[in-house]
Amino acid sequence: MAHAPLPSSAPPLLYAHRGSSASYPELTRAVFVEALADGADGVECDVHLTRDGYLVLHHDDQLGRTSDGSGALAEHTLEQLRALDYTSWKGVGIPATHGLAHEQLMSLDELLDLLLAAGRPVGLAVETKHPSPRGQGLEEALLVLLERRGWDPDSGWLGSVRVSIMSFNADAVRHLLERVAPQNVCQLLDEDSGAQARENLVAGPLVGPGIAFVRSHLSEVEQWLRDGAVLRVWTVDTVEDTRACLGLGVQQITTNVPRTMRARLTGDQSPNSSTSSSARPV
């Protein structure tokens, strides 16, 4: 049965949080293949550096929650990480179309390849995870990789992929702002964000508050929007939270369920119906 669309003058861009992570194990090849099929305008990922210097998609600094490994990710090589099982914990089968078992752990290079092959503009929001044993070396490694691939830090475009970089870490964001245009750098905020993170908001228009932060700091968020900020709110999955974001005029939503979210916004459950909105600049 089709959903009635939620009212909105301009539907927000939808970013798939760690991929379509309600469907398949987070940050694996499967969730990003699914996110593209679900019609997400963009995807969000977290990156860490391996012992041998590769940027890989992984949320926690420790192994174990989403794999059969243990210990610090930073103490493992890419080859060692690829030998682990990243899918069994979710308890769902992975279709052959979504990658083989040994392909599920992805490097950032591999994710870029997947997105560039999508045949449409796609957003990529990369979160650098801290504390990192490399400090701001994590951001430097990310910038080196992106520039090697041809990324323009002023426009944010790498071919058909619009890349922005995010962090909760205020020092990391300030470091990025020295090298990257402010519209491509996002200060993430949660209930524990301090004054330093708030100070970074004056440097650029892209702000990433959690939905709980939005609800508890509503007047502040409304003022940011009046001042011209672009809000990328995470993680929005429920109808109630969706309505709150639309009521405020939030421009970007990060969600675990992009297919469901698209259906709410358009009243059509078919992911193919999202093609026109997914072709918007991101």
C-alpha atoms as a PDB file:
ATOM      1  CA  MET A   1       0.000   0.000   0.000  1.00  0.00           C
ATOM      2  CA  ALA A   2       1.423   3.416  -0.951  1.00  0.00           C
ATOM      3  CA  HIS A   3       2.155   5.998   1.719  1.00  0.00           C
ATOM      4  CA  ALA A   4       0.581   9.449   1.628  1.00  0.00           C
ATOM      5  CA  PRO A   5       3.456  11.887   1.082  1.00  0.00           C
ATOM      6  CA  LEU A   6       4.472  14.099   3.950  1.00  0.00           C
ATOM      7  CA  PRO A   7       4.059  17.814   3.208  1.00  0.00           C
ATOM      8  CA  SER A   8       7.230  19.533   2.016  1.00  0.00           C
ATOM      9  CA  SER A   9       7.951  22.380  -0.399  1.00  0.00           C
ATOM     10  CA  ALA A  10      11.413  21.012  -1.216  1.00  0.00           C
ATOM     11  CA  PRO A  11      12.125  17.421  -0.164  1.00  0.00           C
ATOM     12  CA  PRO A  12      15.422  17.106   1.705  1.00  0.00           C
ATOM     13  CA  LEU A  13      18.357  15.182   0.312  1.00  0.00           C
ATOM     14  CA  LEU A  14      18.551  11.699   1.823  1.00  0.00           C
ATOM     15  CA  TYR A  15      21.894  10.304   2.995  1.00  0.00           C
ATOM     16  CA  ALA A  16      22.030   6.605   3.860  1.00  0.00           C
ATOM     17  CA  HIS A  17      23.552   6.322   7.352  1.00  0.00           C
ATOM     18  CA  ARG A  18      26.414   3.811   7.155  1.00  0.00           C
ATOM     19  CA  GLY A  19      24.572   2.726   3.995  1.00  0.00           C
ATOM     20  CA  SER A  20      21.066   1.256   4.113  1.00  0.00           C
ATOM     21  CA  SER A  21      22.028  -0.117   7.493  1.00  0.00           C
ATOM     22  CA  ALA A  22      18.577  -1.283   8.568  1.00  0.00           C
ATOM     23  CA  SER A  23      18.724  -3.842   5.741  1.00  0.00           C
ATOM     24  CA  TYR A  24      22.292  -5.208   5.808  1.00  0.00           C
ATOM     25  CA  PRO A  25      25.387  -4.998   8.034  1.00  0.00           C
ATOM     26  CA  GLU A  26      26.566  -1.416   8.403  1.00  0.00           C
ATOM     27  CA  LEU A  27      29.417  -0.056   6.282  1.00  0.00           C
ATOM     28  CA  THR A  28      29.705  -3.178   4.126  1.00  0.00           C
ATOM     29  CA  ARG A  29      29.576  -3.336   0.346  1.00  0.00           C
ATOM     30  CA  ALA A  30      26.049  -4.725   0.642  1.00  0.00           C
ATOM     31  CA  VAL A  31      24.614  -1.651   2.390  1.00  0.00           C
ATOM     32  CA  PHE A  32      26.058   0.750  -0.151  1.00  0.00           C
ATOM     33  CA  VAL A  33      24.811  -1.281  -3.116  1.00  0.00           C
ATOM     34  CA  GLU A  34      21.434  -1.307  -1.393  1.00  0.00           C
ATOM     35  CA  ALA A  35      21.538   2.441  -0.693  1.00  0.00           C
ATOM     36  CA  LEU A  36      21.995   3.178  -4.381  1.00  0.00           C
ATOM     37  CA  ALA A  37      19.146   0.801  -5.248  1.00  0.00           C
ATOM     38  CA  ASP A  38      16.999   2.482  -2.577  1.00  0.00           C
ATOM     39  CA  GLY A  39      17.432   5.816  -4.333  1.00  0.00           C
ATOM     40  CA  ALA A  40      19.488   7.549  -1.643  1.00  0.00           C
ATOM     41  CA  ASP A  41      20.838  10.927  -2.760  1.00  0.00           C
ATOM     42  CA  GLY A  42      24.031  10.184  -0.877  1.00  0.00           C
ATOM     43  CA  VAL A  43      25.717   7.865   1.582  1.00  0.00           C
ATOM     44  CA  GLU A  44      27.478   8.440   4.880  1.00  0.00           C
ATOM     45  CA  CYS A  45      30.496   6.475   6.045  1.00  0.00           C
ATOM     46  CA  ASP A  46      33.063   6.422   8.851  1.00  0.00           C
ATOM     47  CA  VAL A  47      36.776   5.960   8.213  1.00  0.00           C
ATOM     48  CA  HIS A  48      39.768   4.689  10.187  1.00  0.00           C
ATOM     49  CA  LEU A  49      43.367   4.080   9.138  1.00  0.00           C
ATOM     50  CA  THR A  50      44.762   0.549   9.151  1.00  0.00           C
ATOM     51  CA  ARG A  51      48.243  -0.262  10.413  1.00  0.00           C
ATOM     52  CA  ASP A  52      49.526  -0.202   6.832  1.00  0.00           C
ATOM     53  CA  GLY A  53      47.894   3.129   6.003  1.00  0.00           C
ATOM     54  CA  TYR A  54      44.647   2.242   4.209  1.00  0.00           C
ATOM     55  CA  LEU A  55      41.431   4.151   4.856  1.00  0.00           C
ATOM     56  CA  VAL A  56      38.710   1.593   5.596  1.00  0.00           C
ATOM     57  CA  LEU A  57      35.020   1.927   6.365  1.00  0.00           C
ATOM     58  CA  HIS A  58      34.437   1.064  10.020  1.00  0.00           C
ATOM     59  CA  HIS A  59      32.623   2.863  12.812  1.00  0.00           C
ATOM     60  CA  ASP A  60      34.292   1.638  15.998  1.00  0.00           C
ATOM     61  CA  ASP A  61      37.987   1.945  16.754  1.00  0.00           C
ATOM     62  CA  GLN A  62      37.826  -1.590  18.186  1.00  0.00           C
ATOM     63  CA  LEU A  63      36.906  -4.753  16.325  1.00  0.00           C
ATOM     64  CA  GLY A  64      34.231  -7.107  17.611  1.00  0.00           C
ATOM     65  CA  ARG A  65      30.831  -5.419  17.499  1.00  0.00           C
ATOM     66  CA  THR A  66      30.422  -5.853  13.734  1.00  0.00           C
ATOM     67  CA  SER A  67      32.937  -8.628  13.024  1.00  0.00           C
ATOM     68  CA  ASP A  68      34.522 -11.733  14.514  1.00  0.00           C
ATOM     69  CA  GLY A  69      37.767  -9.838  15.137  1.00  0.00           C
ATOM     70  CA  SER A  70      39.159  -8.306  18.322  1.00  0.00           C
ATOM     71  CA  GLY A  71      41.548  -5.567  19.327  1.00  0.00           C
ATOM     72  CA  ALA A  72      42.210  -2.132  17.880  1.00  0.00           C
ATOM     73  CA  LEU A  73      41.510  -1.719  14.184  1.00  0.00           C
ATOM     74  CA  ALA A  74      44.592   0.503  13.856  1.00  0.00           C
ATOM     75  CA  GLU A  75      46.800  -2.434  14.866  1.00  0.00           C
ATOM     76  CA  HIS A  76      45.606  -4.580  11.926  1.00  0.00           C
ATOM     77  CA  THR A  77      46.649  -4.520   8.286  1.00  0.00           C
ATOM     78  CA  LEU A  78      44.132  -4.379   5.474  1.00  0.00           C
ATOM     79  CA  GLU A  79      44.853  -8.006   4.631  1.00  0.00           C
ATOM     80  CA  GLN A  80      44.170  -9.071   8.221  1.00  0.00           C
ATOM     81  CA  LEU A  81      40.921  -7.116   8.291  1.00  0.00           C
ATOM     82  CA  ARG A  82      39.725  -8.617   5.017  1.00  0.00           C
ATOM     83  CA  ALA A  83      39.994 -12.103   6.553  1.00  0.00           C
ATOM     84  CA  LEU A  84      37.296 -11.285   9.137  1.00  0.00           C
ATOM     85  CA  ASP A  85      33.547 -11.943   8.944  1.00  0.00           C
ATOM     86  CA  TYR A  86      31.583  -8.658   8.832  1.00  0.00           C
ATOM     87  CA  THR A  87      28.129 -10.011   8.023  1.00  0.00           C
ATOM     88  CA  SER A  88      27.083 -12.878  10.305  1.00  0.00           C
ATOM     89  CA  TRP A  89      26.270 -10.655  13.295  1.00  0.00           C
ATOM     90  CA  LYS A  90      23.346  -9.056  11.438  1.00  0.00           C
ATOM     91  CA  GLY A  91      21.637 -12.398  10.825  1.00  0.00           C
ATOM     92  CA  VAL A  92      20.594 -11.646   7.243  1.00  0.00           C
ATOM     93  CA  GLY A  93      21.756 -13.202   3.999  1.00  0.00           C
ATOM     94  CA  ILE A  94      23.722 -11.125   1.511  1.00  0.00           C
ATOM     95  CA  PRO A  95      22.524 -11.390  -2.119  1.00  0.00           C
ATOM     96  CA  ALA A  96      25.194 -12.233  -4.676  1.00  0.00           C
ATOM     97  CA  THR A  97      24.428  -8.903  -6.340  1.00  0.00           C
ATOM     98  CA  HIS A  98      25.615  -7.131  -3.187  1.00  0.00           C
ATOM     99  CA  GLY A  99      29.119  -8.626  -3.069  1.00  0.00           C
ATOM    100  CA  LEU A 100      30.893 -11.756  -1.939  1.00  0.00           C
ATOM    101  CA  ALA A 101      31.956 -12.356   1.665  1.00  0.00           C
ATOM    102  CA  HIS A 102      35.561 -11.276   1.112  1.00  0.00           C
ATOM    103  CA  GLU A 103      34.360  -8.033  -0.549  1.00  0.00           C
ATOM    104  CA  GLN A 104      32.249  -6.757   2.346  1.00  0.00           C
ATOM    105  CA  LEU A 105      34.951  -4.789   4.165  1.00  0.00           C
ATOM    106  CA  MET A 106      35.505  -1.779   1.913  1.00  0.00           C
ATOM    107  CA  SER A 107      38.295   0.709   1.570  1.00  0.00           C
ATOM    108  CA  LEU A 108      37.332   4.293   0.830  1.00  0.00           C
ATOM    109  CA  ASP A 109      38.850   3.897  -2.632  1.00  0.00           C
ATOM    110  CA  GLU A 110      36.474   1.001  -3.305  1.00  0.00           C
ATOM    111  CA  LEU A 111      33.457   2.974  -2.131  1.00  0.00           C
ATOM    112  CA  LEU A 112      34.397   5.813  -4.460  1.00  0.00           C
ATOM    113  CA  ASP A 113      34.606   3.338  -7.342  1.00  0.00           C
ATOM    114  CA  LEU A 114      31.128   2.031  -6.501  1.00  0.00           C
ATOM    115  CA  LEU A 115      29.594   5.507  -6.306  1.00  0.00           C
ATOM    116  CA  LEU A 116      31.290   6.725  -9.485  1.00  0.00           C
ATOM    117  CA  ALA A 117      29.757   3.776 -11.321  1.00  0.00           C
ATOM    118  CA  ALA A 118      26.225   4.678 -10.164  1.00  0.00           C
ATOM    119  CA  GLY A 119      25.453   6.648 -13.330  1.00  0.00           C
ATOM    120  CA  ARG A 120      24.058   9.644 -11.447  1.00  0.00           C
ATOM    121  CA  PRO A 121      25.218  12.328  -9.015  1.00  0.00           C
ATOM    122  CA  VAL A 122      25.727  10.915  -5.519  1.00  0.00           C
ATOM    123  CA  GLY A 123      26.728  12.591  -2.279  1.00  0.00           C
ATOM    124  CA  LEU A 124      29.416  11.101  -0.037  1.00  0.00           C
ATOM    125  CA  ALA A 125      29.671  12.276   3.565  1.00  0.00           C
ATOM    126  CA  VAL A 126      32.893  10.969   5.131  1.00  0.00           C
ATOM    127  CA  GLU A 127      33.202  11.082   8.909  1.00  0.00           C
ATOM    128  CA  THR A 128      36.681  10.948  10.427  1.00  0.00           C
ATOM    129  CA  LYS A 129      36.562   9.074  13.723  1.00  0.00           C
ATOM    130  CA  HIS A 130      38.374  10.339  16.815  1.00  0.00           C
ATOM    131  CA  PRO A 131      40.259   9.840  18.985  1.00  0.00           C
ATOM    132  CA  SER A 132      42.603   8.431  16.356  1.00  0.00           C
ATOM    133  CA  PRO A 133      46.136   7.181  17.084  1.00  0.00           C
ATOM    134  CA  ARG A 134      47.194   9.229  14.025  1.00  0.00           C
ATOM    135  CA  GLY A 135      45.617  12.456  15.280  1.00  0.00           C
ATOM    136  CA  GLN A 136      45.041  14.857  12.394  1.00  0.00           C
ATOM    137  CA  GLY A 137      47.087  12.429  10.302  1.00  0.00           C
ATOM    138  CA  LEU A 138      43.716  10.789   9.668  1.00  0.00           C
ATOM    139  CA  GLU A 139      42.405  13.916   7.952  1.00  0.00           C
ATOM    140  CA  GLU A 140      45.667  14.328   6.055  1.00  0.00           C
ATOM    141  CA  ALA A 141      45.459  10.767   4.752  1.00  0.00           C
ATOM    142  CA  LEU A 142      41.880  11.399   3.666  1.00  0.00           C
ATOM    143  CA  LEU A 143      42.797  14.599   1.821  1.00  0.00           C
ATOM    144  CA  VAL A 144      45.723  12.893   0.096  1.00  0.00           C
ATOM    145  CA  LEU A 145      43.447  10.085  -1.109  1.00  0.00           C
ATOM    146  CA  LEU A 146      40.741  12.440  -2.342  1.00  0.00           C
ATOM    147  CA  GLU A 147      43.187  14.722  -4.128  1.00  0.00           C
ATOM    148  CA  ARG A 148      44.859  11.700  -5.744  1.00  0.00           C
ATOM    149  CA  ARG A 149      41.433  10.714  -7.081  1.00  0.00           C
ATOM    150  CA  GLY A 150      40.881  14.209  -8.524  1.00  0.00           C
ATOM    151  CA  TRP A 151      38.691  15.796  -5.865  1.00  0.00           C
ATOM    152  CA  ASP A 152      38.222  19.564  -5.989  1.00  0.00           C
ATOM    153  CA  PRO A 153      38.155  20.797  -2.361  1.00  0.00           C
ATOM    154  CA  ASP A 154      36.517  24.057  -3.458  1.00  0.00           C
ATOM    155  CA  SER A 155      33.541  22.646  -5.351  1.00  0.00           C
ATOM    156  CA  GLY A 156      33.440  19.321  -3.469  1.00  0.00           C
ATOM    157  CA  TRP A 157      33.074  17.332  -6.690  1.00  0.00           C
ATOM    158  CA  LEU A 158      35.014  14.226  -7.608  1.00  0.00           C
ATOM    159  CA  GLY A 159      33.524  13.280 -10.941  1.00  0.00           C
ATOM    160  CA  SER A 160      29.841  12.635 -10.258  1.00  0.00           C
ATOM    161  CA  VAL A 161      30.377  12.336  -6.475  1.00  0.00           C
ATOM    162  CA  ARG A 162      29.976  15.370  -4.192  1.00  0.00           C
ATOM    163  CA  VAL A 163      32.247  14.769  -1.196  1.00  0.00           C
ATOM    164  CA  SER A 164      31.970  16.464   2.187  1.00  0.00           C
ATOM    165  CA  ILE A 165      33.983  15.674   5.303  1.00  0.00           C
ATOM    166  CA  MET A 166      32.542  15.565   8.816  1.00  0.00           C
ATOM    167  CA  SER A 167      33.724  15.082  12.366  1.00  0.00           C
ATOM    168  CA  PHE A 168      32.585  15.522  15.937  1.00  0.00           C
ATOM    169  CA  ASN A 169      36.161  16.479  16.783  1.00  0.00           C
ATOM    170  CA  ALA A 170      36.486  20.268  16.802  1.00  0.00           C
ATOM    171  CA  ASP A 171      40.252  20.194  16.184  1.00  0.00           C
ATOM    172  CA  ALA A 172      39.757  17.942  13.164  1.00  0.00           C
ATOM    173  CA  VAL A 173      37.158  20.304  11.713  1.00  0.00           C
ATOM    174  CA  ARG A 174      39.407  23.335  12.196  1.00  0.00           C
ATOM    175  CA  HIS A 175      42.256  21.445  10.521  1.00  0.00           C
ATOM    176  CA  LEU A 176      40.027  20.623   7.555  1.00  0.00           C
ATOM    177  CA  LEU A 177      38.834  24.220   7.225  1.00  0.00           C
ATOM    178  CA  GLU A 178      42.432  25.262   6.525  1.00  0.00           C
ATOM    179  CA  ARG A 179      42.412  23.163   3.330  1.00  0.00           C
ATOM    180  CA  VAL A 180      38.804  22.674   2.255  1.00  0.00           C
ATOM    181  CA  ALA A 181      36.046  25.109   1.319  1.00  0.00           C
ATOM    182  CA  PRO A 182      33.728  25.535   4.317  1.00  0.00           C
ATOM    183  CA  GLN A 183      30.626  24.351   2.443  1.00  0.00           C
ATOM    184  CA  ASN A 184      32.307  20.933   2.202  1.00  0.00           C
ATOM    185  CA  VAL A 185      33.150  20.609   5.909  1.00  0.00           C
ATOM    186  CA  CYS A 186      30.541  19.625   8.486  1.00  0.00           C
ATOM    187  CA  GLN A 187      30.840  20.020  12.254  1.00  0.00           C
ATOM    188  CA  LEU A 188      28.812  17.194  13.808  1.00  0.00           C
ATOM    189  CA  LEU A 189      26.986  17.942  17.042  1.00  0.00           C
ATOM    190  CA  ASP A 190      25.456  15.863  19.791  1.00  0.00           C
ATOM    191  CA  GLU A 191      24.328  16.571  23.326  1.00  0.00           C
ATOM    192  CA  ASP A 192      27.930  16.430  24.551  1.00  0.00           C
ATOM    193  CA  SER A 193      29.357  18.892  22.002  1.00  0.00           C
ATOM    194  CA  GLY A 194      31.248  21.693  23.686  1.00  0.00           C
ATOM    195  CA  ALA A 195      32.025  25.330  23.003  1.00  0.00           C
ATOM    196  CA  GLN A 196      34.852  24.578  20.568  1.00  0.00           C
ATOM    197  CA  ALA A 197      32.512  22.669  18.260  1.00  0.00           C
ATOM    198  CA  ARG A 198      29.960  25.492  18.438  1.00  0.00           C
ATOM    199  CA  GLU A 199      32.661  28.007  17.486  1.00  0.00           C
ATOM    200  CA  ASN A 200      33.344  26.098  14.275  1.00  0.00           C
ATOM    201  CA  LEU A 201      29.789  26.746  13.105  1.00  0.00           C
ATOM    202  CA  VAL A 202      30.626  30.349  12.200  1.00  0.00           C
ATOM    203  CA  ALA A 203      33.156  29.151   9.599  1.00  0.00           C
ATOM    204  CA  GLY A 204      30.781  27.448   7.199  1.00  0.00           C
ATOM    205  CA  PRO A 205      27.172  26.754   6.305  1.00  0.00           C
ATOM    206  CA  LEU A 206      27.058  22.955   6.764  1.00  0.00           C
ATOM    207  CA  VAL A 207      25.998  21.807  10.244  1.00  0.00           C
ATOM    208  CA  GLY A 208      25.358  18.218  11.381  1.00  0.00           C
ATOM    209  CA  PRO A 209      23.236  18.041  14.549  1.00  0.00           C
ATOM    210  CA  GLY A 210      21.669  14.861  15.838  1.00  0.00           C
ATOM    211  CA  ILE A 211      17.878  14.771  15.980  1.00  0.00           C
ATOM    212  CA  ALA A 212      18.029  14.785  19.801  1.00  0.00           C
ATOM    213  CA  PHE A 213      20.136  17.953  19.663  1.00  0.00           C
ATOM    214  CA  VAL A 214      17.624  19.532  17.285  1.00  0.00           C
ATOM    215  CA  ARG A 215      14.759  18.814  19.657  1.00  0.00           C
ATOM    216  CA  SER A 216      16.554  20.087  22.756  1.00  0.00           C
ATOM    217  CA  HIS A 217      18.049  23.201  21.107  1.00  0.00           C
ATOM    218  CA  LEU A 218      15.160  24.113  18.846  1.00  0.00           C
ATOM    219  CA  SER A 219      15.454  27.908  19.006  1.00  0.00           C
ATOM    220  CA  GLU A 220      19.180  27.718  18.296  1.00  0.00           C
ATOM    221  CA  VAL A 221      18.614  25.437  15.307  1.00  0.00           C
ATOM    222  CA  GLU A 222      15.884  27.725  13.973  1.00  0.00           C
ATOM    223  CA  GLN A 223      18.299  30.651  14.182  1.00  0.00           C
ATOM    224  CA  TRP A 224      20.948  28.699  12.242  1.00  0.00           C
ATOM    225  CA  LEU A 225      18.413  28.131   9.473  1.00  0.00           C
ATOM    226  CA  ARG A 226      17.430  31.801   9.421  1.00  0.00           C
ATOM    227  CA  ASP A 227      21.134  32.624   9.115  1.00  0.00           C
ATOM    228  CA  GLY A 228      21.416  30.441   6.022  1.00  0.00           C
ATOM    229  CA  ALA A 229      22.864  27.246   7.457  1.00  0.00           C
ATOM    230  CA  VAL A 230      22.470  23.919   5.662  1.00  0.00           C
ATOM    231  CA  LEU A 231      21.420  21.284   8.209  1.00  0.00           C
ATOM    232  CA  ARG A 232      22.320  17.610   7.788  1.00  0.00           C
ATOM    233  CA  VAL A 233      20.369  15.990  10.629  1.00  0.00           C
ATOM    234  CA  TRP A 234      21.097  12.438  11.843  1.00  0.00           C
ATOM    235  CA  THR A 235      19.741   9.818  12.417  1.00  0.00           C
ATOM    236  CA  VAL A 236      16.139  10.291  11.249  1.00  0.00           C
ATOM    237  CA  ASP A 237      14.092   7.095  10.875  1.00  0.00           C
ATOM    238  CA  THR A 238      10.655   7.687  12.421  1.00  0.00           C
ATOM    239  CA  VAL A 239       7.641   9.524  10.996  1.00  0.00           C
ATOM    240  CA  GLU A 240       7.676  11.854  14.006  1.00  0.00           C
ATOM    241  CA  ASP A 241      11.312  12.843  13.475  1.00  0.00           C
ATOM    242  CA  THR A 242      10.749  13.198   9.744  1.00  0.00           C
ATOM    243  CA  ARG A 243       7.860  15.587  10.330  1.00  0.00           C
ATOM    244  CA  ALA A 244       9.987  17.605  12.756  1.00  0.00           C
ATOM    245  CA  CYS A 245      12.729  18.005  10.162  1.00  0.00           C
ATOM    246  CA  LEU A 246      10.317  18.933   7.381  1.00  0.00           C
ATOM    247  CA  GLY A 247       8.589  21.434   9.635  1.00  0.00           C
ATOM    248  CA  LEU A 248      11.894  23.188  10.249  1.00  0.00           C
ATOM    249  CA  GLY A 249      12.949  23.126   6.619  1.00  0.00           C
ATOM    250  CA  VAL A 250      15.937  20.839   7.147  1.00  0.00           C
ATOM    251  CA  GLN A 251      17.740  20.416   3.832  1.00  0.00           C
ATOM    252  CA  GLN A 252      19.506  17.069   4.378  1.00  0.00           C
ATOM    253  CA  ILE A 253      18.486  13.994   6.369  1.00  0.00           C
ATOM    254  CA  THR A 254      20.694  11.064   7.328  1.00  0.00           C
ATOM    255  CA  THR A 255      18.684   7.868   7.755  1.00  0.00           C
ATOM    256  CA  ASN A 256      19.097   4.121   8.170  1.00  0.00           C
ATOM    257  CA  VAL A 257      16.025   3.556   5.971  1.00  0.00           C
ATOM    258  CA  PRO A 258      16.345   5.619   2.772  1.00  0.00           C
ATOM    259  CA  ARG A 259      13.797   3.550   0.828  1.00  0.00           C
ATOM    260  CA  THR A 260      11.166   4.010   3.542  1.00  0.00           C
ATOM    261  CA  MET A 261      12.053   7.673   3.897  1.00  0.00           C
ATOM    262  CA  ARG A 262      11.723   8.229   0.154  1.00  0.00           C
ATOM    263  CA  ALA A 263       8.281   6.616   0.242  1.00  0.00           C
ATOM    264  CA  ARG A 264       7.232   8.958   3.044  1.00  0.00           C
ATOM    265  CA  LEU A 265       8.368  12.002   1.099  1.00  0.00           C
ATOM    266  CA  THR A 266       6.882  11.020  -2.254  1.00  0.00           C
ATOM    267  CA  GLY A 267       4.017   8.662  -1.424  1.00  0.00           C
ATOM    268  CA  ASP A 268       5.564   6.040  -3.734  1.00  0.00           C
ATOM    269  CA  GLN A 269       7.255   2.922  -2.377  1.00  0.00           C
ATOM    270  CA  SER A 270       9.119   2.205  -5.620  1.00  0.00           C
ATOM    271  CA  PRO A 271      12.821   3.120  -5.416  1.00  0.00           C
ATOM    272  CA  ASN A 272      12.724   3.869  -9.152  1.00  0.00           C
ATOM    273  CA  SER A 273      10.458   6.820  -8.432  1.00  0.00           C
ATOM    274  CA  SER A 274      13.395   8.559  -6.731  1.00  0.00           C
ATOM    275  CA  THR A 275      15.476   8.849  -9.872  1.00  0.00           C
ATOM    276  CA  SER A 276      14.492  12.419 -10.619  1.00  0.00           C
ATOM    277  CA  SER A 277      15.183  13.706  -7.113  1.00  0.00           C
ATOM    278  CA  SER A 278      18.409  11.708  -6.880  1.00  0.00           C
ATOM    279  CA  ALA A 279      19.682  13.518  -9.954  1.00  0.00           C
ATOM    280  CA  ARG A 280      19.601  16.843  -8.112  1.00  0.00           C
ATOM    281  CA  PRO A 281      22.993  18.394  -7.299  1.00  0.00           C
ATOM    282  CA  VAL A 282      24.045  17.254  -3.809  1.00  0.00           C
END
